[in-house]
Amino acid sequence: MTDREAELETLAERACEYDAVADAFIAKSFTDRLLVVDLESDESEVPSGLIALFEEHGCYGANEVYDRDEADGSSAGTFGDTTRHQFVDSETRGEHQSYVVD
C-alpha cells in the first residue's frame, strides 16, 4: 500500500466517525481513485466539516471535478437506502488505468 492509499484509507475511517455517515471506502473509476461516502438514510448532505477535511487532503466532489451539471459537488445517487457521494483524489487523478478485455 502506498502512502497515498494509506492516507485515503485513514480519511475513509475518519468519515465513518461522523453520525451522518453509514459507510466510507476507497474505489477506482476508469482513471481515478475515489473516496466514496454513503450517508445514513435520513441524511442527504455531506457534513461541511467532512467536505473541508477531504479538500484539505486533495479530495474534491466528483461532480465538480468532472464538470457535471448537478445540484451539489459530490452526489452520485442512492445505493439501497443510503445517499452516495463521490470525491476524486486530485493527487493521483489520471494515473490509474482500466483494462478492457476483448
N, C-alpha and C. Protein backbone atom coordinates (compact mmCIF):
# COMPACT_ATOMS: atom_id res chain seq x y z
N MET A 1 0.84 -1.17 0.00
CA MET A 1 0.00 0.00 0.00
C MET A 1 0.89 1.25 0.00
N THR A 2 0.59 2.18 -0.89
CA THR A 2 1.37 3.42 -0.95
C THR A 2 0.98 4.34 0.20
N ASP A 3 1.79 5.36 0.42
CA ASP A 3 1.47 6.35 1.45
C ASP A 3 0.13 7.03 1.15
N ARG A 4 -0.12 7.32 -0.14
CA ARG A 4 -1.36 7.98 -0.51
C ARG A 4 -2.56 7.08 -0.25
N GLU A 5 -2.45 5.81 -0.57
CA GLU A 5 -3.54 4.87 -0.29
C GLU A 5 -3.82 4.81 1.20
N ALA A 6 -2.78 4.78 2.00
CA ALA A 6 -2.94 4.76 3.46
C ALA A 6 -3.63 6.03 3.94
N GLU A 7 -3.26 7.17 3.36
CA GLU A 7 -3.89 8.44 3.73
C GLU A 7 -5.38 8.44 3.40
N LEU A 8 -5.73 7.91 2.22
CA LEU A 8 -7.13 7.85 1.82
C LEU A 8 -7.92 6.88 2.69
N GLU A 9 -7.30 5.77 3.05
CA GLU A 9 -7.96 4.82 3.97
C GLU A 9 -8.24 5.47 5.32
N THR A 10 -7.29 6.26 5.80
CA THR A 10 -7.47 6.98 7.06
C THR A 10 -8.61 7.99 6.93
N LEU A 11 -8.69 8.68 5.79
CA LEU A 11 -9.80 9.61 5.57
C LEU A 11 -11.14 8.89 5.58
N ALA A 12 -11.20 7.71 4.97
CA ALA A 12 -12.44 6.92 4.98
C ALA A 12 -12.82 6.53 6.40
N GLU A 13 -11.84 6.12 7.18
CA GLU A 13 -12.09 5.76 8.58
C GLU A 13 -12.59 6.96 9.36
N ARG A 14 -11.98 8.12 9.13
CA ARG A 14 -12.40 9.33 9.83
C ARG A 14 -13.81 9.73 9.42
N ALA A 15 -14.16 9.53 8.16
CA ALA A 15 -15.51 9.85 7.68
C ALA A 15 -16.55 9.02 8.43
N CYS A 16 -16.22 7.77 8.70
CA CYS A 16 -17.16 6.88 9.40
C CYS A 16 -17.43 7.31 10.84
N GLU A 17 -16.61 8.20 11.37
CA GLU A 17 -16.82 8.70 12.72
C GLU A 17 -17.97 9.72 12.78
N TYR A 18 -18.37 10.26 11.63
CA TYR A 18 -19.49 11.20 11.59
C TYR A 18 -20.80 10.43 11.69
N ASP A 19 -21.73 10.94 12.51
CA ASP A 19 -23.03 10.29 12.67
C ASP A 19 -23.80 10.17 11.37
N ALA A 20 -23.62 11.12 10.47
CA ALA A 20 -24.36 11.13 9.20
C ALA A 20 -23.87 10.06 8.22
N VAL A 21 -22.70 9.49 8.46
CA VAL A 21 -22.08 8.57 7.50
C VAL A 21 -22.36 7.11 7.87
N ALA A 22 -22.93 6.38 6.91
CA ALA A 22 -23.19 4.95 7.09
C ALA A 22 -21.95 4.13 6.74
N ASP A 23 -21.21 4.56 5.72
CA ASP A 23 -20.02 3.84 5.27
C ASP A 23 -19.18 4.78 4.41
N ALA A 24 -17.89 4.51 4.37
CA ALA A 24 -16.97 5.25 3.51
C ALA A 24 -15.86 4.29 3.10
N PHE A 25 -15.45 4.38 1.84
CA PHE A 25 -14.45 3.45 1.33
C PHE A 25 -13.77 4.03 0.09
N ILE A 26 -12.68 3.39 -0.32
CA ILE A 26 -11.93 3.79 -1.49
C ILE A 26 -12.37 2.92 -2.67
N ALA A 27 -12.50 3.54 -3.84
CA ALA A 27 -12.87 2.81 -5.06
C ALA A 27 -12.08 3.42 -6.22
N LYS A 28 -12.13 2.75 -7.37
CA LYS A 28 -11.48 3.27 -8.56
C LYS A 28 -12.50 3.47 -9.66
N SER A 29 -12.35 4.58 -10.39
CA SER A 29 -13.10 4.75 -11.63
C SER A 29 -12.16 4.30 -12.74
N PHE A 30 -12.41 4.69 -13.96
CA PHE A 30 -11.54 4.25 -15.05
C PHE A 30 -10.11 4.76 -14.88
N THR A 31 -9.96 6.01 -14.47
CA THR A 31 -8.62 6.58 -14.37
C THR A 31 -8.32 7.22 -13.03
N ASP A 32 -9.29 7.25 -12.13
CA ASP A 32 -9.13 7.97 -10.87
C ASP A 32 -9.44 7.09 -9.66
N ARG A 33 -8.89 7.51 -8.54
CA ARG A 33 -9.22 6.89 -7.26
C ARG A 33 -10.29 7.77 -6.61
N LEU A 34 -11.33 7.13 -6.08
CA LEU A 34 -12.45 7.84 -5.47
C LEU A 34 -12.56 7.51 -3.99
N LEU A 35 -12.98 8.48 -3.24
CA LEU A 35 -13.37 8.28 -1.85
C LEU A 35 -14.89 8.35 -1.86
N VAL A 36 -15.54 7.23 -1.56
CA VAL A 36 -16.99 7.11 -1.63
C VAL A 36 -17.57 7.18 -0.23
N VAL A 37 -18.62 7.97 -0.07
CA VAL A 37 -19.27 8.14 1.22
C VAL A 37 -20.76 7.85 1.05
N ASP A 38 -21.26 6.91 1.83
CA ASP A 38 -22.69 6.61 1.87
C ASP A 38 -23.26 7.22 3.15
N LEU A 39 -24.29 8.06 2.99
CA LEU A 39 -24.90 8.71 4.14
C LEU A 39 -26.06 7.88 4.68
N GLU A 40 -26.32 8.02 5.96
CA GLU A 40 -27.46 7.35 6.59
C GLU A 40 -28.74 7.73 5.85
N SER A 41 -29.76 6.88 5.95
CA SER A 41 -30.99 7.07 5.18
C SER A 41 -31.69 8.40 5.46
N ASP A 42 -31.53 8.96 6.64
CA ASP A 42 -32.19 10.22 6.96
C ASP A 42 -31.31 11.45 6.68
N GLU A 43 -30.17 11.25 6.03
CA GLU A 43 -29.25 12.33 5.69
C GLU A 43 -29.17 12.49 4.18
N SER A 44 -28.97 13.72 3.73
CA SER A 44 -28.83 13.95 2.29
C SER A 44 -27.59 14.78 1.95
N GLU A 45 -27.05 15.49 2.93
CA GLU A 45 -25.90 16.34 2.68
C GLU A 45 -24.69 15.88 3.48
N VAL A 46 -23.54 15.87 2.82
CA VAL A 46 -22.29 15.54 3.50
C VAL A 46 -21.98 16.68 4.47
N PRO A 47 -21.66 16.36 5.72
CA PRO A 47 -21.34 17.42 6.69
C PRO A 47 -20.23 18.33 6.16
N SER A 48 -20.39 19.63 6.36
CA SER A 48 -19.42 20.60 5.83
C SER A 48 -18.02 20.36 6.39
N GLY A 49 -17.93 19.92 7.64
CA GLY A 49 -16.61 19.63 8.23
C GLY A 49 -15.91 18.49 7.51
N LEU A 50 -16.69 17.52 7.04
CA LEU A 50 -16.12 16.39 6.32
C LEU A 50 -15.65 16.82 4.93
N ILE A 51 -16.42 17.67 4.28
CA ILE A 51 -16.00 18.19 2.97
C ILE A 51 -14.70 18.96 3.12
N ALA A 52 -14.62 19.79 4.16
CA ALA A 52 -13.40 20.57 4.40
C ALA A 52 -12.21 19.65 4.65
N LEU A 53 -12.41 18.58 5.42
CA LEU A 53 -11.35 17.61 5.68
C LEU A 53 -10.87 16.97 4.38
N PHE A 54 -11.80 16.53 3.56
CA PHE A 54 -11.43 15.92 2.28
C PHE A 54 -10.64 16.90 1.41
N GLU A 55 -11.13 18.14 1.33
CA GLU A 55 -10.45 19.13 0.49
C GLU A 55 -9.05 19.45 1.00
N GLU A 56 -8.87 19.44 2.33
CA GLU A 56 -7.54 19.65 2.91
C GLU A 56 -6.56 18.57 2.44
N HIS A 57 -7.11 17.41 2.09
CA HIS A 57 -6.29 16.27 1.67
C HIS A 57 -6.41 15.99 0.17
N GLY A 58 -6.87 16.99 -0.59
CA GLY A 58 -6.87 16.86 -2.05
C GLY A 58 -7.97 16.02 -2.65
N CYS A 59 -9.09 15.88 -1.96
CA CYS A 59 -10.23 15.12 -2.49
C CYS A 59 -11.40 16.08 -2.69
N TYR A 60 -11.90 16.13 -3.92
CA TYR A 60 -12.94 17.09 -4.29
C TYR A 60 -14.14 16.36 -4.88
N GLY A 61 -15.32 16.97 -4.72
CA GLY A 61 -16.55 16.37 -5.23
C GLY A 61 -16.44 16.00 -6.70
N ALA A 62 -16.86 14.78 -7.02
CA ALA A 62 -16.74 14.27 -8.39
C ALA A 62 -17.53 15.12 -9.39
N ASN A 63 -18.67 15.64 -8.98
CA ASN A 63 -19.45 16.46 -9.91
C ASN A 63 -18.70 17.73 -10.27
N GLU A 64 -17.99 18.30 -9.32
CA GLU A 64 -17.19 19.49 -9.59
C GLU A 64 -16.00 19.14 -10.49
N VAL A 65 -15.30 18.07 -10.16
CA VAL A 65 -14.10 17.67 -10.90
C VAL A 65 -14.44 17.31 -12.34
N TYR A 66 -15.53 16.56 -12.52
CA TYR A 66 -15.90 16.10 -13.85
C TYR A 66 -16.83 17.09 -14.57
N ASP A 67 -17.08 18.24 -13.96
CA ASP A 67 -17.90 19.31 -14.53
C ASP A 67 -19.29 18.80 -14.91
N ARG A 68 -19.90 18.06 -13.98
CA ARG A 68 -21.27 17.58 -14.18
C ARG A 68 -22.25 18.65 -13.71
N ASP A 69 -23.36 18.74 -14.38
CA ASP A 69 -24.39 19.72 -14.03
C ASP A 69 -25.30 19.11 -12.96
N GLU A 70 -24.84 19.16 -11.72
CA GLU A 70 -25.59 18.61 -10.59
C GLU A 70 -25.79 19.68 -9.54
N ALA A 71 -26.75 19.46 -8.65
CA ALA A 71 -27.07 20.45 -7.61
C ALA A 71 -25.93 20.63 -6.61
N ASP A 72 -25.17 19.58 -6.36
CA ASP A 72 -24.05 19.72 -5.43
C ASP A 72 -22.80 19.12 -6.03
N GLY A 73 -21.71 19.24 -5.30
CA GLY A 73 -20.42 18.83 -5.84
C GLY A 73 -20.12 17.36 -5.82
N SER A 74 -20.92 16.55 -5.08
CA SER A 74 -20.49 15.17 -4.89
C SER A 74 -21.57 14.10 -5.02
N SER A 75 -22.84 14.45 -5.08
CA SER A 75 -23.89 13.43 -5.06
C SER A 75 -23.78 12.50 -6.26
N ALA A 76 -24.05 11.22 -6.01
CA ALA A 76 -23.96 10.21 -7.06
C ALA A 76 -25.18 9.30 -7.06
N GLY A 77 -26.28 9.74 -6.43
CA GLY A 77 -27.49 8.94 -6.41
C GLY A 77 -27.65 8.17 -5.11
N THR A 78 -28.46 7.13 -5.17
CA THR A 78 -28.72 6.32 -3.98
C THR A 78 -28.16 4.92 -4.15
N PHE A 79 -27.91 4.31 -3.03
CA PHE A 79 -27.48 2.91 -3.00
C PHE A 79 -28.24 2.27 -1.86
N GLY A 80 -29.23 1.45 -2.20
CA GLY A 80 -30.12 0.93 -1.17
C GLY A 80 -30.87 2.09 -0.54
N ASP A 81 -30.80 2.20 0.78
CA ASP A 81 -31.48 3.32 1.43
C ASP A 81 -30.50 4.40 1.88
N THR A 82 -29.30 4.41 1.27
CA THR A 82 -28.32 5.46 1.58
C THR A 82 -28.16 6.39 0.38
N THR A 83 -27.65 7.58 0.65
CA THR A 83 -27.32 8.52 -0.41
C THR A 83 -25.81 8.47 -0.61
N ARG A 84 -25.38 8.25 -1.84
CA ARG A 84 -23.95 8.07 -2.13
C ARG A 84 -23.34 9.37 -2.66
N HIS A 85 -22.13 9.65 -2.18
CA HIS A 85 -21.35 10.80 -2.64
C HIS A 85 -19.96 10.31 -3.01
N GLN A 86 -19.37 10.94 -4.03
CA GLN A 86 -18.05 10.55 -4.50
C GLN A 86 -17.11 11.76 -4.53
N PHE A 87 -15.88 11.51 -4.08
CA PHE A 87 -14.85 12.53 -4.06
C PHE A 87 -13.63 11.99 -4.80
N VAL A 88 -13.06 12.80 -5.70
CA VAL A 88 -11.94 12.39 -6.53
C VAL A 88 -10.63 12.77 -5.85
N ASP A 89 -9.69 11.83 -5.82
CA ASP A 89 -8.35 12.09 -5.30
C ASP A 89 -7.59 12.88 -6.37
N SER A 90 -7.41 14.16 -6.13
CA SER A 90 -6.75 15.01 -7.13
C SER A 90 -5.24 14.76 -7.23
N GLU A 91 -4.66 14.17 -6.20
CA GLU A 91 -3.21 13.94 -6.22
C GLU A 91 -2.81 12.82 -7.17
N THR A 92 -3.70 11.88 -7.42
CA THR A 92 -3.36 10.78 -8.33
C THR A 92 -4.29 10.75 -9.54
N ARG A 93 -5.04 11.83 -9.77
CA ARG A 93 -6.02 11.86 -10.86
C ARG A 93 -5.36 11.55 -12.20
N GLY A 94 -5.96 10.61 -12.92
CA GLY A 94 -5.49 10.25 -14.25
C GLY A 94 -4.35 9.24 -14.28
N GLU A 95 -3.87 8.83 -13.11
CA GLU A 95 -2.73 7.90 -13.06
C GLU A 95 -3.14 6.43 -13.14
N HIS A 96 -4.40 6.14 -12.99
CA HIS A 96 -4.85 4.76 -12.96
C HIS A 96 -5.30 4.33 -14.35
N GLN A 97 -5.24 3.04 -14.60
CA GLN A 97 -5.65 2.51 -15.89
C GLN A 97 -6.69 1.43 -15.68
N SER A 98 -7.67 1.40 -16.53
CA SER A 98 -8.62 0.31 -16.57
C SER A 98 -8.38 -0.46 -17.85
N TYR A 99 -8.59 -1.72 -17.79
CA TYR A 99 -8.34 -2.56 -18.95
C TYR A 99 -9.63 -3.12 -19.48
N VAL A 100 -9.74 -3.15 -20.78
CA VAL A 100 -10.89 -3.72 -21.43
C VAL A 100 -10.45 -5.02 -22.09
N VAL A 101 -11.19 -6.08 -21.82
CA VAL A 101 -10.86 -7.37 -22.39
C VAL A 101 -11.74 -7.61 -23.60
N ASP A 102 -11.13 -7.92 -24.72
CA ASP A 102 -11.89 -8.19 -25.94
C ASP A 102 -12.45 -9.59 -25.93
